N, C-alpha and C. Protein backbone atom coordinates (compact mmCIF):
# COMPACT_ATOMS: atom_id res chain seq x y z
N ASN A 1 94.29 69.24 91.59
CA ASN A 1 94.29 67.92 91.14
C ASN A 1 94.45 67.41 89.76
N GLY A 2 94.22 68.57 88.74
CA GLY A 2 94.67 68.47 87.51
C GLY A 2 93.34 67.91 86.68
N ARG A 3 92.38 67.80 87.25
CA ARG A 3 90.90 67.79 86.40
C ARG A 3 90.93 69.13 85.61
N ASN A 4 89.84 69.15 84.66
CA ASN A 4 89.25 70.50 83.94
C ASN A 4 87.86 70.66 84.71
N LYS A 5 87.47 71.79 84.79
CA LYS A 5 86.01 72.19 85.20
C LYS A 5 86.03 73.24 83.96
N THR A 6 84.45 73.49 83.79
CA THR A 6 84.15 74.34 82.59
C THR A 6 83.23 75.21 83.71
N VAL A 7 83.21 76.58 83.89
CA VAL A 7 82.62 77.29 84.63
C VAL A 7 82.26 78.73 83.50
N TYR A 8 81.35 79.30 83.85
CA TYR A 8 80.75 80.37 83.16
C TYR A 8 80.97 81.48 83.91
N ALA A 9 81.24 82.70 83.14
CA ALA A 9 81.35 84.43 83.90
C ALA A 9 80.91 85.17 82.77
N LYS A 10 80.52 86.37 83.68
CA LYS A 10 80.11 87.71 82.42
C LYS A 10 81.42 88.43 82.53
N ILE A 11 81.63 88.93 81.12
CA ILE A 11 82.55 89.92 81.16
C ILE A 11 82.57 91.22 82.37
N GLY A 12 83.66 91.27 82.74
CA GLY A 12 83.67 92.24 84.05
C GLY A 12 84.09 91.41 85.04
N ASP A 13 83.41 90.28 84.96
CA ASP A 13 83.68 89.56 86.56
C ASP A 13 85.29 89.12 86.71
N ASN A 14 85.71 88.82 88.33
CA ASN A 14 87.15 88.98 88.46
C ASN A 14 87.00 87.50 88.78
N LEU A 15 88.40 87.14 88.49
CA LEU A 15 88.64 85.51 88.77
C LEU A 15 88.15 84.92 90.07
N LEU A 16 88.22 85.66 91.19
CA LEU A 16 88.12 85.21 92.73
C LEU A 16 86.74 85.03 92.59
N ASP A 17 85.85 85.97 92.32
CA ASP A 17 84.68 85.76 92.60
C ASP A 17 84.20 84.52 91.58
N VAL A 18 84.51 84.38 90.10
CA VAL A 18 84.01 83.58 89.51
C VAL A 18 84.45 82.16 89.89
N VAL A 19 85.68 81.83 90.66
CA VAL A 19 85.93 80.63 91.44
C VAL A 19 85.27 80.32 92.48
N LEU A 20 84.87 81.31 93.37
CA LEU A 20 83.89 81.21 94.52
C LEU A 20 82.56 81.03 94.20
N ASP A 21 82.19 81.62 93.16
CA ASP A 21 80.69 81.38 92.65
C ASP A 21 80.31 80.24 92.23
N ASN A 22 81.37 79.33 91.61
CA ASN A 22 81.16 78.28 90.96
C ASN A 22 81.68 76.81 91.65
N ASP A 23 82.20 77.14 92.87
CA ASP A 23 82.65 76.12 93.87
C ASP A 23 83.92 75.50 93.57
N VAL A 24 84.64 76.16 93.00
CA VAL A 24 85.93 75.42 92.56
C VAL A 24 86.83 75.46 93.67
N ASP A 25 87.44 74.55 94.03
CA ASP A 25 88.51 74.25 95.32
C ASP A 25 89.53 74.21 94.82
N ILE A 26 90.50 75.42 95.04
CA ILE A 26 92.02 75.53 94.45
C ILE A 26 92.60 75.86 95.98
N ASP A 27 93.51 74.90 96.52
CA ASP A 27 94.32 75.24 97.81
C ASP A 27 94.90 76.63 97.68
N GLY A 28 94.69 77.41 98.76
CA GLY A 28 95.23 78.60 99.10
C GLY A 28 94.62 79.95 98.18
N PHE A 29 93.93 79.37 96.88
CA PHE A 29 93.15 80.41 96.12
C PHE A 29 92.52 81.50 96.86
N GLY A 30 92.92 82.72 96.56
CA GLY A 30 92.15 83.98 97.05
C GLY A 30 92.52 84.02 98.44
N ALA A 31 93.54 83.62 99.20
CA ALA A 31 94.07 83.77 100.65
C ALA A 31 93.71 85.17 100.64
N CYS A 32 94.05 86.16 100.05
CA CYS A 32 93.89 87.71 100.91
C CYS A 32 92.46 88.05 100.47
N GLU A 33 91.55 87.49 99.81
CA GLU A 33 90.13 87.66 99.87
C GLU A 33 90.04 88.85 98.82
N GLY A 34 91.05 89.06 97.70
CA GLY A 34 90.60 90.08 96.64
C GLY A 34 91.50 91.28 97.02
N THR A 35 91.94 91.46 98.09
CA THR A 35 93.11 92.84 98.22
C THR A 35 94.18 93.02 97.36
N LEU A 36 94.71 92.06 96.68
CA LEU A 36 95.93 92.18 95.84
C LEU A 36 97.10 92.24 96.91
N ALA A 37 97.27 91.29 97.74
CA ALA A 37 98.13 91.04 98.38
C ALA A 37 98.79 89.68 98.57
N CYS A 38 98.22 88.80 97.50
CA CYS A 38 98.77 87.36 97.74
C CYS A 38 98.97 86.58 96.44
N SER A 39 98.64 87.24 95.23
CA SER A 39 98.76 86.54 93.74
C SER A 39 98.19 85.32 93.65
N THR A 40 97.32 85.00 94.51
CA THR A 40 96.84 83.43 93.88
C THR A 40 95.71 83.35 92.98
N CYS A 41 95.07 84.48 92.67
CA CYS A 41 94.38 84.73 91.39
C CYS A 41 94.50 85.46 90.21
N HIS A 42 95.72 84.77 89.45
CA HIS A 42 96.32 85.03 88.40
C HIS A 42 95.82 83.98 86.99
N LEU A 43 95.65 84.46 85.98
CA LEU A 43 95.57 83.52 84.86
C LEU A 43 96.66 83.65 83.95
N ILE A 44 96.66 82.27 83.04
CA ILE A 44 97.67 82.31 82.31
C ILE A 44 97.03 82.01 80.77
N PHE A 45 97.25 83.25 80.05
CA PHE A 45 96.47 83.43 78.68
C PHE A 45 97.24 82.95 77.62
N ALA A 46 96.49 82.44 76.28
CA ALA A 46 97.58 82.05 75.03
C ALA A 46 97.65 83.37 74.85
N LYS A 47 98.96 83.85 74.09
CA LYS A 47 99.26 84.79 73.32
C LYS A 47 98.51 85.53 72.70
N GLU A 48 97.47 85.04 72.13
CA GLU A 48 96.70 85.71 70.87
C GLU A 48 95.49 86.31 71.71
N ASP A 49 95.25 85.77 72.98
CA ASP A 49 94.21 86.23 73.89
C ASP A 49 94.89 87.39 74.83
N PHE A 50 95.96 87.08 75.23
CA PHE A 50 96.51 88.37 76.07
C PHE A 50 96.45 89.48 75.27
N ASP A 51 97.39 89.57 73.84
CA ASP A 51 97.68 90.30 73.25
C ASP A 51 95.89 91.53 72.86
N ASN A 52 95.05 90.72 73.20
CA ASN A 52 93.57 91.44 72.77
C ASN A 52 93.17 91.89 74.31
N LEU A 53 93.66 91.80 75.14
CA LEU A 53 93.00 92.24 76.44
C LEU A 53 92.65 93.89 76.31
N ARG A 54 91.55 94.02 76.78
CA ARG A 54 91.30 95.60 76.94
C ARG A 54 92.01 96.62 77.77
N ASP A 55 92.58 96.12 79.22
CA ASP A 55 92.78 97.17 79.98
C ASP A 55 94.38 96.44 80.66
N PRO A 56 95.24 97.23 79.98
CA PRO A 56 96.57 96.86 80.50
C PRO A 56 96.55 96.65 82.07
N LEU A 57 97.43 96.23 82.59
CA LEU A 57 97.91 95.38 83.88
C LEU A 57 98.32 96.94 84.73
N THR A 58 97.62 97.06 86.09
CA THR A 58 98.41 98.43 86.56
C THR A 58 99.37 98.10 87.25
N GLU A 59 100.48 99.24 87.47
CA GLU A 59 101.46 98.83 88.45
C GLU A 59 101.63 97.81 89.36
N GLU A 60 100.39 98.18 90.06
CA GLU A 60 100.28 97.11 91.61
C GLU A 60 100.20 96.08 90.93
N GLU A 61 99.00 95.73 90.10
CA GLU A 61 99.08 94.14 89.42
C GLU A 61 100.40 93.79 89.13
N GLN A 62 101.10 94.57 88.16
CA GLN A 62 102.48 93.78 87.99
C GLN A 62 103.50 93.65 89.08
N ASP A 63 103.26 94.56 90.14
CA ASP A 63 104.23 94.34 91.28
C ASP A 63 103.83 93.06 92.25
N MET A 64 102.43 92.79 92.13
CA MET A 64 102.03 91.70 92.84
C MET A 64 102.29 90.33 91.95
N LEU A 65 102.27 90.58 90.80
CA LEU A 65 102.49 89.42 89.82
C LEU A 65 104.17 88.86 90.12
N ASP A 66 104.95 89.93 90.34
CA ASP A 66 106.20 89.60 90.32
C ASP A 66 106.66 88.36 91.53
N LEU A 67 105.78 88.16 92.31
CA LEU A 67 105.58 87.24 93.96
C LEU A 67 105.02 86.09 93.20
N ALA A 68 104.12 85.95 91.80
CA ALA A 68 103.13 84.76 91.67
C ALA A 68 104.11 83.47 91.54
N TYR A 69 103.76 82.37 91.92
CA TYR A 69 104.22 81.29 91.51
C TYR A 69 104.00 80.58 90.19
N GLY A 70 104.94 80.22 89.27
CA GLY A 70 104.76 79.79 88.13
C GLY A 70 104.25 80.99 87.01
N LEU A 71 104.79 81.93 87.13
CA LEU A 71 104.48 83.06 86.42
C LEU A 71 105.18 83.14 84.82
N THR A 72 104.02 83.49 83.75
CA THR A 72 104.73 83.17 82.53
C THR A 72 104.72 84.99 81.66
N ASP A 73 105.05 85.08 80.75
CA ASP A 73 104.58 86.14 79.89
C ASP A 73 103.32 86.76 79.93
N THR A 74 102.41 85.97 79.73
CA THR A 74 101.15 86.01 79.39
C THR A 74 100.20 85.67 80.53
């Protein structure tokens, strides 16, 4: 709906759990319930944040992101 909502999470929490735990309503989000089958749980980072990520994407994650709507380089 275009509104911002601030939520808090711990390092290591996954996006799906953060959204569900904070009652964020995003249509279609988490459709596969975290099985890496739908690509609705993805983030777009600022380039400097993306460059500082500790863990690189797995090949499975990269393949799934190829199907994501609105995908960016970060």
